[in-house]
Amino acid sequence: MGLDMYVYRIKKLTDEEIKEMTGMIKDDAEDQYDILAIPQEVKDSGEYAQILSILRPVRMKQNYYDYSKIRKDCGFLENWELYAFGFSPEAVLFTVHHLERYVIPFEEIREELPEDKHGAKRKIFEIWKSRPENREKKARPEDIRKMDAGYEIAVIESEKNVSISTEDIREKYTITKEEDFLCCSIESGAYWRKDYPLQDRIYEVSPYTIENCGYYPLTDEMAEVINDNLRKEGAPALEAGDGEVLVYHEWY
């Protein structure tokens, strides 16, 4: 894990592209047309609010893992967290976590927390992890939730893995649904890995509260910071082409 920073070129889809994609499997359309496709129901989340005017609706098919059947066939309990995390042409690796949840009361957080929620979660995690009894425990800072009495941390008490062949996934454990997506074309423009000084400079001039996995159109000030960094790296500056919008994106 760690910080991945991107600049993408995004653009509205044409009527012809939408016609060709309609009815396709979403993953196939993403590969064939280089598109960003998000479910309609998340369109109002902060991650996509800044690019809604560029997204157009497309009805496609989406494949889902049949987690209920996987749980039943593998003997996993319903209250255990199950997700896919390893992929190869031959198999998909699933992991299941037995979680116990602990709450840190507000009064135990004596240090000032960062204003952005991701920074606050990391700080709370550091405070919790600093306790001797928690040093060997496994938890994820991104899963911390603010509750009525304090901050809840989900701790992984036990873990199991199971590998299922791609043939069995396709024949036994796949559910296909038709759904509406909001889409645009997307193309990579620049990438940095764990460049925290650059991230800090972008944050200093950004008018947005940048969220993990969000897409943010570059302002002139953000573009200046990014292009100055590219020039120092010996790379050409980025400019938006006809109909394109340059957007900043983080994943960690």
C-alpha atoms as a PDB file:
ATOM      1  CA  MET A   1       0.000   0.000   0.000  1.00  0.00           C
ATOM      2  CA  GLY A   2       1.001   3.627  -0.372  1.00  0.00           C
ATOM      3  CA  LEU A   3       0.199   6.774  -2.223  1.00  0.00           C
ATOM      4  CA  ASP A   4      -0.320   6.593  -6.004  1.00  0.00           C
ATOM      5  CA  MET A   5      -0.841   9.967  -7.713  1.00  0.00           C
ATOM      6  CA  TYR A   6      -2.216  10.378 -11.236  1.00  0.00           C
ATOM      7  CA  VAL A   7      -3.159  13.020 -13.736  1.00  0.00           C
ATOM      8  CA  TYR A   8      -5.720  11.741 -16.245  1.00  0.00           C
ATOM      9  CA  ARG A   9      -7.167  13.150 -19.440  1.00  0.00           C
ATOM     10  CA  ILE A  10     -10.926  12.668 -19.455  1.00  0.00           C
ATOM     11  CA  LYS A  11     -13.437  13.461 -22.180  1.00  0.00           C
ATOM     12  CA  LYS A  12     -17.153  13.041 -22.924  1.00  0.00           C
ATOM     13  CA  LEU A  13     -18.138   9.949 -24.858  1.00  0.00           C
ATOM     14  CA  THR A  14     -19.626  10.349 -28.316  1.00  0.00           C
ATOM     15  CA  ASP A  15     -23.102   9.061 -29.217  1.00  0.00           C
ATOM     16  CA  GLU A  16     -21.482   6.395 -31.398  1.00  0.00           C
ATOM     17  CA  GLU A  17     -19.260   5.169 -28.541  1.00  0.00           C
ATOM     18  CA  ILE A  18     -22.252   4.948 -26.210  1.00  0.00           C
ATOM     19  CA  LYS A  19     -24.220   2.974 -28.811  1.00  0.00           C
ATOM     20  CA  GLU A  20     -21.347   0.486 -29.214  1.00  0.00           C
ATOM     21  CA  MET A  21     -20.875   0.024 -25.449  1.00  0.00           C
ATOM     22  CA  THR A  22     -24.540  -0.435 -24.555  1.00  0.00           C
ATOM     23  CA  GLY A  23     -25.177  -4.029 -23.455  1.00  0.00           C
ATOM     24  CA  MET A  24     -21.487  -4.900 -23.170  1.00  0.00           C
ATOM     25  CA  ILE A  25     -19.896  -6.394 -20.055  1.00  0.00           C
ATOM     26  CA  LYS A  26     -18.540  -3.381 -18.169  1.00  0.00           C
ATOM     27  CA  ASP A  27     -15.021  -4.815 -17.754  1.00  0.00           C
ATOM     28  CA  ASP A  28     -14.820  -5.517 -21.494  1.00  0.00           C
ATOM     29  CA  ALA A  29     -15.976  -1.986 -22.338  1.00  0.00           C
ATOM     30  CA  GLU A  30     -13.389  -0.498 -19.972  1.00  0.00           C
ATOM     31  CA  ASP A  31     -10.613  -2.465 -21.679  1.00  0.00           C
ATOM     32  CA  GLN A  32     -11.785  -1.862 -25.251  1.00  0.00           C
ATOM     33  CA  TYR A  33     -12.651   1.821 -24.979  1.00  0.00           C
ATOM     34  CA  ASP A  34     -10.467   3.041 -22.054  1.00  0.00           C
ATOM     35  CA  ILE A  35     -13.376   4.417 -20.066  1.00  0.00           C
ATOM     36  CA  LEU A  36     -14.125   5.365 -16.482  1.00  0.00           C
ATOM     37  CA  ALA A  37     -17.485   3.825 -15.531  1.00  0.00           C
ATOM     38  CA  ILE A  38     -19.151   4.498 -12.182  1.00  0.00           C
ATOM     39  CA  PRO A  39     -22.486   3.195 -10.861  1.00  0.00           C
ATOM     40  CA  GLN A  40     -25.349   5.694 -11.044  1.00  0.00           C
ATOM     41  CA  GLU A  41     -26.025   5.386  -7.322  1.00  0.00           C
ATOM     42  CA  VAL A  42     -22.631   6.857  -6.337  1.00  0.00           C
ATOM     43  CA  LYS A  43     -22.785   9.854  -8.659  1.00  0.00           C
ATOM     44  CA  ASP A  44     -23.437  12.281  -5.811  1.00  0.00           C
ATOM     45  CA  SER A  45     -20.473  11.158  -3.719  1.00  0.00           C
ATOM     46  CA  GLY A  46     -17.569  13.523  -3.243  1.00  0.00           C
ATOM     47  CA  GLU A  47     -15.301  11.367  -5.374  1.00  0.00           C
ATOM     48  CA  TYR A  48     -17.105  12.240  -8.614  1.00  0.00           C
ATOM     49  CA  ALA A  49     -18.905  15.502  -7.863  1.00  0.00           C
ATOM     50  CA  GLN A  50     -16.365  17.584  -9.782  1.00  0.00           C
ATOM     51  CA  ILE A  51     -16.659  15.634 -13.057  1.00  0.00           C
ATOM     52  CA  LEU A  52     -20.411  14.956 -13.295  1.00  0.00           C
ATOM     53  CA  SER A  53     -20.793  17.322 -16.265  1.00  0.00           C
ATOM     54  CA  ILE A  54     -18.412  15.118 -18.288  1.00  0.00           C
ATOM     55  CA  LEU A  55     -20.058  11.773 -17.484  1.00  0.00           C
ATOM     56  CA  ARG A  56     -22.735  10.287 -19.753  1.00  0.00           C
ATOM     57  CA  PRO A  57     -25.132   7.398 -18.975  1.00  0.00           C
ATOM     58  CA  VAL A  58     -24.492   3.962 -20.496  1.00  0.00           C
ATOM     59  CA  ARG A  59     -26.404   0.747 -19.719  1.00  0.00           C
ATOM     60  CA  MET A  60     -24.053  -2.227 -19.427  1.00  0.00           C
ATOM     61  CA  LYS A  61     -23.777  -5.621 -17.769  1.00  0.00           C
ATOM     62  CA  GLN A  62     -21.813  -6.099 -14.566  1.00  0.00           C
ATOM     63  CA  ASN A  63     -20.461  -9.377 -13.235  1.00  0.00           C
ATOM     64  CA  TYR A  64     -20.413  -9.924  -9.473  1.00  0.00           C
ATOM     65  CA  TYR A  65     -18.977 -12.664  -7.320  1.00  0.00           C
ATOM     66  CA  ASP A  66     -21.742 -14.701  -5.699  1.00  0.00           C
ATOM     67  CA  TYR A  67     -20.450 -14.207  -2.172  1.00  0.00           C
ATOM     68  CA  SER A  68     -23.438 -15.945  -0.590  1.00  0.00           C
ATOM     69  CA  LYS A  69     -22.729 -19.148  -2.520  1.00  0.00           C
ATOM     70  CA  ILE A  70     -18.991 -18.884  -1.845  1.00  0.00           C
ATOM     71  CA  ARG A  71     -19.706 -18.531   1.876  1.00  0.00           C
ATOM     72  CA  LYS A  72     -22.076 -21.506   1.830  1.00  0.00           C
ATOM     73  CA  ASP A  73     -19.810 -23.806  -0.209  1.00  0.00           C
ATOM     74  CA  CYS A  74     -16.650 -22.875   1.756  1.00  0.00           C
ATOM     75  CA  GLY A  75     -18.289 -22.924   5.179  1.00  0.00           C
ATOM     76  CA  PHE A  76     -17.633 -19.260   6.028  1.00  0.00           C
ATOM     77  CA  LEU A  77     -19.885 -17.611   8.600  1.00  0.00           C
ATOM     78  CA  GLU A  78     -22.147 -14.773   7.472  1.00  0.00           C
ATOM     79  CA  ASN A  79     -20.630 -12.273   9.905  1.00  0.00           C
ATOM     80  CA  TRP A  80     -17.088 -12.822   8.613  1.00  0.00           C
ATOM     81  CA  GLU A  81     -15.716 -10.283   6.135  1.00  0.00           C
ATOM     82  CA  LEU A  82     -15.098 -11.896   2.735  1.00  0.00           C
ATOM     83  CA  TYR A  83     -13.448 -10.321  -0.292  1.00  0.00           C
ATOM     84  CA  ALA A  84     -11.334 -11.140  -3.326  1.00  0.00           C
ATOM     85  CA  PHE A  85      -7.760  -9.893  -3.249  1.00  0.00           C
ATOM     86  CA  GLY A  86      -5.593 -12.074  -5.498  1.00  0.00           C
ATOM     87  CA  PHE A  87      -6.093 -12.625  -9.220  1.00  0.00           C
ATOM     88  CA  SER A  88      -4.412 -14.762 -11.882  1.00  0.00           C
ATOM     89  CA  PRO A  89      -5.527 -16.342 -15.167  1.00  0.00           C
ATOM     90  CA  GLU A  90      -6.031 -19.626 -13.294  1.00  0.00           C
ATOM     91  CA  ALA A  91      -7.718 -18.625 -10.046  1.00  0.00           C
ATOM     92  CA  VAL A  92      -9.099 -15.962  -7.739  1.00  0.00           C
ATOM     93  CA  LEU A  93      -7.879 -15.862  -4.152  1.00  0.00           C
ATOM     94  CA  PHE A  94     -10.410 -14.895  -1.497  1.00  0.00           C
ATOM     95  CA  THR A  95      -9.696 -14.025   2.097  1.00  0.00           C
ATOM     96  CA  VAL A  96     -12.100 -14.071   5.015  1.00  0.00           C
ATOM     97  CA  HIS A  97     -11.574 -12.083   8.200  1.00  0.00           C
ATOM     98  CA  HIS A  98     -13.075 -12.614  11.613  1.00  0.00           C
ATOM     99  CA  LEU A  99     -13.310  -9.067  12.964  1.00  0.00           C
ATOM    100  CA  GLU A 100     -13.620  -7.770  16.487  1.00  0.00           C
ATOM    101  CA  ARG A 101     -14.508  -4.110  16.905  1.00  0.00           C
ATOM    102  CA  TYR A 102     -13.059  -1.811  19.548  1.00  0.00           C
ATOM    103  CA  VAL A 103     -13.917   1.793  20.380  1.00  0.00           C
ATOM    104  CA  ILE A 104     -11.459   4.495  21.444  1.00  0.00           C
ATOM    105  CA  PRO A 105     -13.464   7.005  23.528  1.00  0.00           C
ATOM    106  CA  PHE A 106     -13.213  10.613  22.390  1.00  0.00           C
ATOM    107  CA  GLU A 107     -11.669  11.641  25.705  1.00  0.00           C
ATOM    108  CA  GLU A 108      -8.687   9.340  25.068  1.00  0.00           C
ATOM    109  CA  ILE A 109      -7.766  11.279  21.897  1.00  0.00           C
ATOM    110  CA  ARG A 110      -5.805  14.071  23.524  1.00  0.00           C
ATOM    111  CA  GLU A 111      -3.874  15.119  20.429  1.00  0.00           C
ATOM    112  CA  GLU A 112      -5.217  17.481  17.772  1.00  0.00           C
ATOM    113  CA  LEU A 113      -6.338  15.578  14.679  1.00  0.00           C
ATOM    114  CA  PRO A 114      -5.656  16.668  11.076  1.00  0.00           C
ATOM    115  CA  GLU A 115      -8.597  18.364   9.375  1.00  0.00           C
ATOM    116  CA  ASP A 116      -8.822  15.939   6.448  1.00  0.00           C
ATOM    117  CA  LYS A 117     -10.555  12.704   7.393  1.00  0.00           C
ATOM    118  CA  HIS A 118      -7.864  10.395   5.990  1.00  0.00           C
ATOM    119  CA  GLY A 119      -5.161  12.170   7.960  1.00  0.00           C
ATOM    120  CA  ALA A 120      -7.368  12.004  11.065  1.00  0.00           C
ATOM    121  CA  LYS A 121      -7.866   8.260  10.612  1.00  0.00           C
ATOM    122  CA  ARG A 122      -4.128   7.694  10.254  1.00  0.00           C
ATOM    123  CA  LYS A 123      -3.466   9.694  13.435  1.00  0.00           C
ATOM    124  CA  ILE A 124      -6.111   7.784  15.409  1.00  0.00           C
ATOM    125  CA  PHE A 125      -4.599   4.526  14.148  1.00  0.00           C
ATOM    126  CA  GLU A 126      -1.135   5.642  15.297  1.00  0.00           C
ATOM    127  CA  ILE A 127      -2.505   6.460  18.752  1.00  0.00           C
ATOM    128  CA  TRP A 128      -4.238   3.072  18.986  1.00  0.00           C
ATOM    129  CA  LYS A 129      -1.190   1.208  17.634  1.00  0.00           C
ATOM    130  CA  SER A 130       1.126   2.920  20.141  1.00  0.00           C
ATOM    131  CA  ARG A 131      -0.473   0.975  22.977  1.00  0.00           C
ATOM    132  CA  PRO A 132       1.670  -2.068  23.844  1.00  0.00           C
ATOM    133  CA  GLU A 133      -1.317  -4.452  23.801  1.00  0.00           C
ATOM    134  CA  ASN A 134      -2.173  -3.417  20.206  1.00  0.00           C
ATOM    135  CA  ARG A 135       1.246  -3.539  18.548  1.00  0.00           C
ATOM    136  CA  GLU A 136       0.839  -7.087  17.210  1.00  0.00           C
ATOM    137  CA  LYS A 137      -2.804  -6.712  16.211  1.00  0.00           C
ATOM    138  CA  LYS A 138      -3.850  -6.313  12.579  1.00  0.00           C
ATOM    139  CA  ALA A 139      -6.180  -3.475  11.644  1.00  0.00           C
ATOM    140  CA  ARG A 140      -6.687  -1.020   8.793  1.00  0.00           C
ATOM    141  CA  PRO A 141      -6.708   2.744   9.391  1.00  0.00           C
ATOM    142  CA  GLU A 142      -9.063   3.311   6.434  1.00  0.00           C
ATOM    143  CA  ASP A 143     -11.763   1.276   8.219  1.00  0.00           C
ATOM    144  CA  ILE A 144     -11.894   3.526  11.303  1.00  0.00           C
ATOM    145  CA  ARG A 145     -15.392   4.933  11.861  1.00  0.00           C
ATOM    146  CA  LYS A 146     -16.632   7.772  14.054  1.00  0.00           C
ATOM    147  CA  MET A 147     -19.327   6.502  16.401  1.00  0.00           C
ATOM    148  CA  ASP A 148     -21.433   8.125  19.144  1.00  0.00           C
ATOM    149  CA  ALA A 149     -19.003   7.160  21.901  1.00  0.00           C
ATOM    150  CA  GLY A 150     -15.692   7.416  20.035  1.00  0.00           C
ATOM    151  CA  TYR A 151     -13.743   5.981  17.099  1.00  0.00           C
ATOM    152  CA  GLU A 152     -14.326   2.343  16.158  1.00  0.00           C
ATOM    153  CA  ILE A 153     -11.436   0.187  14.955  1.00  0.00           C
ATOM    154  CA  ALA A 154     -12.031  -3.215  13.333  1.00  0.00           C
ATOM    155  CA  VAL A 155      -9.298  -5.664  14.348  1.00  0.00           C
ATOM    156  CA  ILE A 156      -8.597  -8.825  12.349  1.00  0.00           C
ATOM    157  CA  GLU A 157      -8.666 -11.605  14.946  1.00  0.00           C
ATOM    158  CA  SER A 158      -8.249 -14.474  12.487  1.00  0.00           C
ATOM    159  CA  GLU A 159      -7.838 -14.959   8.746  1.00  0.00           C
ATOM    160  CA  LYS A 160      -8.426 -17.715   6.209  1.00  0.00           C
ATOM    161  CA  ASN A 161      -7.748 -17.884   2.467  1.00  0.00           C
ATOM    162  CA  VAL A 162      -9.343 -19.939  -0.281  1.00  0.00           C
ATOM    163  CA  SER A 163      -8.428 -20.207  -3.964  1.00  0.00           C
ATOM    164  CA  ILE A 164     -11.206 -20.759  -6.523  1.00  0.00           C
ATOM    165  CA  SER A 165     -10.441 -21.533 -10.163  1.00  0.00           C
ATOM    166  CA  THR A 166     -11.506 -19.014 -12.773  1.00  0.00           C
ATOM    167  CA  GLU A 167     -13.547 -21.777 -14.438  1.00  0.00           C
ATOM    168  CA  ASP A 168     -15.516 -22.353 -11.218  1.00  0.00           C
ATOM    169  CA  ILE A 169     -15.877 -18.591 -10.737  1.00  0.00           C
ATOM    170  CA  ARG A 170     -17.362 -18.288 -14.212  1.00  0.00           C
ATOM    171  CA  GLU A 171     -19.642 -21.341 -13.975  1.00  0.00           C
ATOM    172  CA  LYS A 172     -20.664 -21.374 -10.288  1.00  0.00           C
ATOM    173  CA  TYR A 173     -19.934 -18.091  -8.573  1.00  0.00           C
ATOM    174  CA  THR A 174     -20.813 -15.267 -10.973  1.00  0.00           C
ATOM    175  CA  ILE A 175     -23.992 -13.179 -11.011  1.00  0.00           C
ATOM    176  CA  THR A 176     -24.587 -10.895 -14.034  1.00  0.00           C
ATOM    177  CA  LYS A 177     -26.820  -7.818 -13.759  1.00  0.00           C
ATOM    178  CA  GLU A 178     -27.767  -5.021 -16.157  1.00  0.00           C
ATOM    179  CA  GLU A 179     -27.035  -1.648 -14.607  1.00  0.00           C
ATOM    180  CA  ASP A 180     -26.756   2.019 -15.494  1.00  0.00           C
ATOM    181  CA  PHE A 181     -23.300   3.580 -15.365  1.00  0.00           C
ATOM    182  CA  LEU A 182     -21.958   7.088 -15.843  1.00  0.00           C
ATOM    183  CA  CYS A 183     -18.976   7.053 -18.168  1.00  0.00           C
ATOM    184  CA  CYS A 184     -16.282   9.102 -19.855  1.00  0.00           C
ATOM    185  CA  SER A 185     -13.120   8.299 -21.757  1.00  0.00           C
ATOM    186  CA  ILE A 186      -9.946   8.291 -19.648  1.00  0.00           C
ATOM    187  CA  GLU A 187      -6.246   8.329 -20.559  1.00  0.00           C
ATOM    188  CA  SER A 188      -3.176   8.454 -18.345  1.00  0.00           C
ATOM    189  CA  GLY A 189      -1.222  11.719 -18.400  1.00  0.00           C
ATOM    190  CA  ALA A 190       1.258  11.445 -15.512  1.00  0.00           C
ATOM    191  CA  TYR A 191       1.994   9.239 -12.510  1.00  0.00           C
ATOM    192  CA  TRP A 192       3.973   9.481  -9.272  1.00  0.00           C
ATOM    193  CA  ARG A 193       4.463   6.973  -6.474  1.00  0.00           C
ATOM    194  CA  LYS A 194       4.676   8.242  -2.884  1.00  0.00           C
ATOM    195  CA  ASP A 195       5.777  11.734  -3.920  1.00  0.00           C
ATOM    196  CA  TYR A 196       4.611  13.347  -0.690  1.00  0.00           C
ATOM    197  CA  PRO A 197       6.382  16.705  -1.270  1.00  0.00           C
ATOM    198  CA  LEU A 198       4.511  17.057  -4.585  1.00  0.00           C
ATOM    199  CA  GLN A 199       1.269  16.035  -2.878  1.00  0.00           C
ATOM    200  CA  ASP A 200       1.819  18.756  -0.268  1.00  0.00           C
ATOM    201  CA  ARG A 201       2.380  21.407  -2.960  1.00  0.00           C
ATOM    202  CA  ILE A 202      -0.774  20.324  -4.801  1.00  0.00           C
ATOM    203  CA  TYR A 203      -2.787  20.447  -1.574  1.00  0.00           C
ATOM    204  CA  GLU A 204      -1.512  23.963  -0.835  1.00  0.00           C
ATOM    205  CA  VAL A 205      -3.075  25.375  -4.011  1.00  0.00           C
ATOM    206  CA  SER A 206      -6.038  23.002  -4.470  1.00  0.00           C
ATOM    207  CA  PRO A 207      -9.515  24.458  -3.817  1.00  0.00           C
ATOM    208  CA  TYR A 208     -10.790  20.910  -3.193  1.00  0.00           C
ATOM    209  CA  THR A 209     -10.757  18.657  -0.165  1.00  0.00           C
ATOM    210  CA  ILE A 210      -9.076  15.796  -1.985  1.00  0.00           C
ATOM    211  CA  GLU A 211     -10.503  12.370  -1.152  1.00  0.00           C
ATOM    212  CA  ASN A 212      -9.006   8.970  -1.873  1.00  0.00           C
ATOM    213  CA  CYS A 213     -10.154   7.784  -5.340  1.00  0.00           C
ATOM    214  CA  GLY A 214     -11.652  11.182  -6.229  1.00  0.00           C
ATOM    215  CA  TYR A 215     -11.268  13.025  -9.558  1.00  0.00           C
ATOM    216  CA  TYR A 216     -10.486  16.754  -9.480  1.00  0.00           C
ATOM    217  CA  PRO A 217     -10.176  19.039 -12.541  1.00  0.00           C
ATOM    218  CA  LEU A 218      -6.857  20.867 -12.448  1.00  0.00           C
ATOM    219  CA  THR A 219      -7.055  24.553 -11.645  1.00  0.00           C
ATOM    220  CA  ASP A 220      -4.428  26.830 -13.181  1.00  0.00           C
ATOM    221  CA  GLU A 221      -2.550  26.751  -9.869  1.00  0.00           C
ATOM    222  CA  MET A 222      -2.635  22.947  -9.631  1.00  0.00           C
ATOM    223  CA  ALA A 223      -1.521  22.637 -13.267  1.00  0.00           C
ATOM    224  CA  GLU A 224       1.354  25.043 -12.630  1.00  0.00           C
ATOM    225  CA  VAL A 225       2.604  22.967  -9.679  1.00  0.00           C
ATOM    226  CA  ILE A 226       2.302  19.699 -11.613  1.00  0.00           C
ATOM    227  CA  ASN A 227       3.892  21.008 -14.812  1.00  0.00           C
ATOM    228  CA  ASP A 228       6.740  22.613 -12.875  1.00  0.00           C
ATOM    229  CA  ASN A 229       7.409  19.201 -11.324  1.00  0.00           C
ATOM    230  CA  LEU A 230       7.267  17.490 -14.739  1.00  0.00           C
ATOM    231  CA  ARG A 231       9.726  19.976 -16.240  1.00  0.00           C
ATOM    232  CA  LYS A 232      12.159  19.332 -13.382  1.00  0.00           C
ATOM    233  CA  GLU A 233      11.864  15.610 -14.167  1.00  0.00           C
ATOM    234  CA  GLY A 234      12.646  16.319 -17.828  1.00  0.00           C
ATOM    235  CA  ALA A 235       9.120  15.446 -18.941  1.00  0.00           C
ATOM    236  CA  PRO A 236       6.867  17.632 -21.123  1.00  0.00           C
ATOM    237  CA  ALA A 237       4.210  19.774 -19.508  1.00  0.00           C
ATOM    238  CA  LEU A 238       0.604  18.601 -19.703  1.00  0.00           C
ATOM    239  CA  GLU A 239      -1.978  20.459 -21.736  1.00  0.00           C
ATOM    240  CA  ALA A 240      -5.612  19.494 -22.267  1.00  0.00           C
ATOM    241  CA  GLY A 241      -6.494  18.529 -25.834  1.00  0.00           C
ATOM    242  CA  ASP A 242      -9.702  19.389 -27.665  1.00  0.00           C
ATOM    243  CA  GLY A 243     -12.649  18.563 -25.407  1.00  0.00           C
ATOM    244  CA  GLU A 244     -10.370  17.108 -22.711  1.00  0.00           C
ATOM    245  CA  VAL A 245     -10.187  17.933 -19.025  1.00  0.00           C
ATOM    246  CA  LEU A 246      -7.078  17.193 -16.959  1.00  0.00           C
ATOM    247  CA  VAL A 247      -7.961  15.722 -13.542  1.00  0.00           C
ATOM    248  CA  TYR A 248      -5.938  14.839 -10.455  1.00  0.00           C
ATOM    249  CA  HIS A 249      -6.537  11.467  -8.769  1.00  0.00           C
ATOM    250  CA  GLU A 250      -5.101   9.638  -5.762  1.00  0.00           C
ATOM    251  CA  TRP A 251      -5.274   6.017  -4.691  1.00  0.00           C
ATOM    252  CA  TYR A 252      -3.888   4.534  -1.495  1.00  0.00           C
END
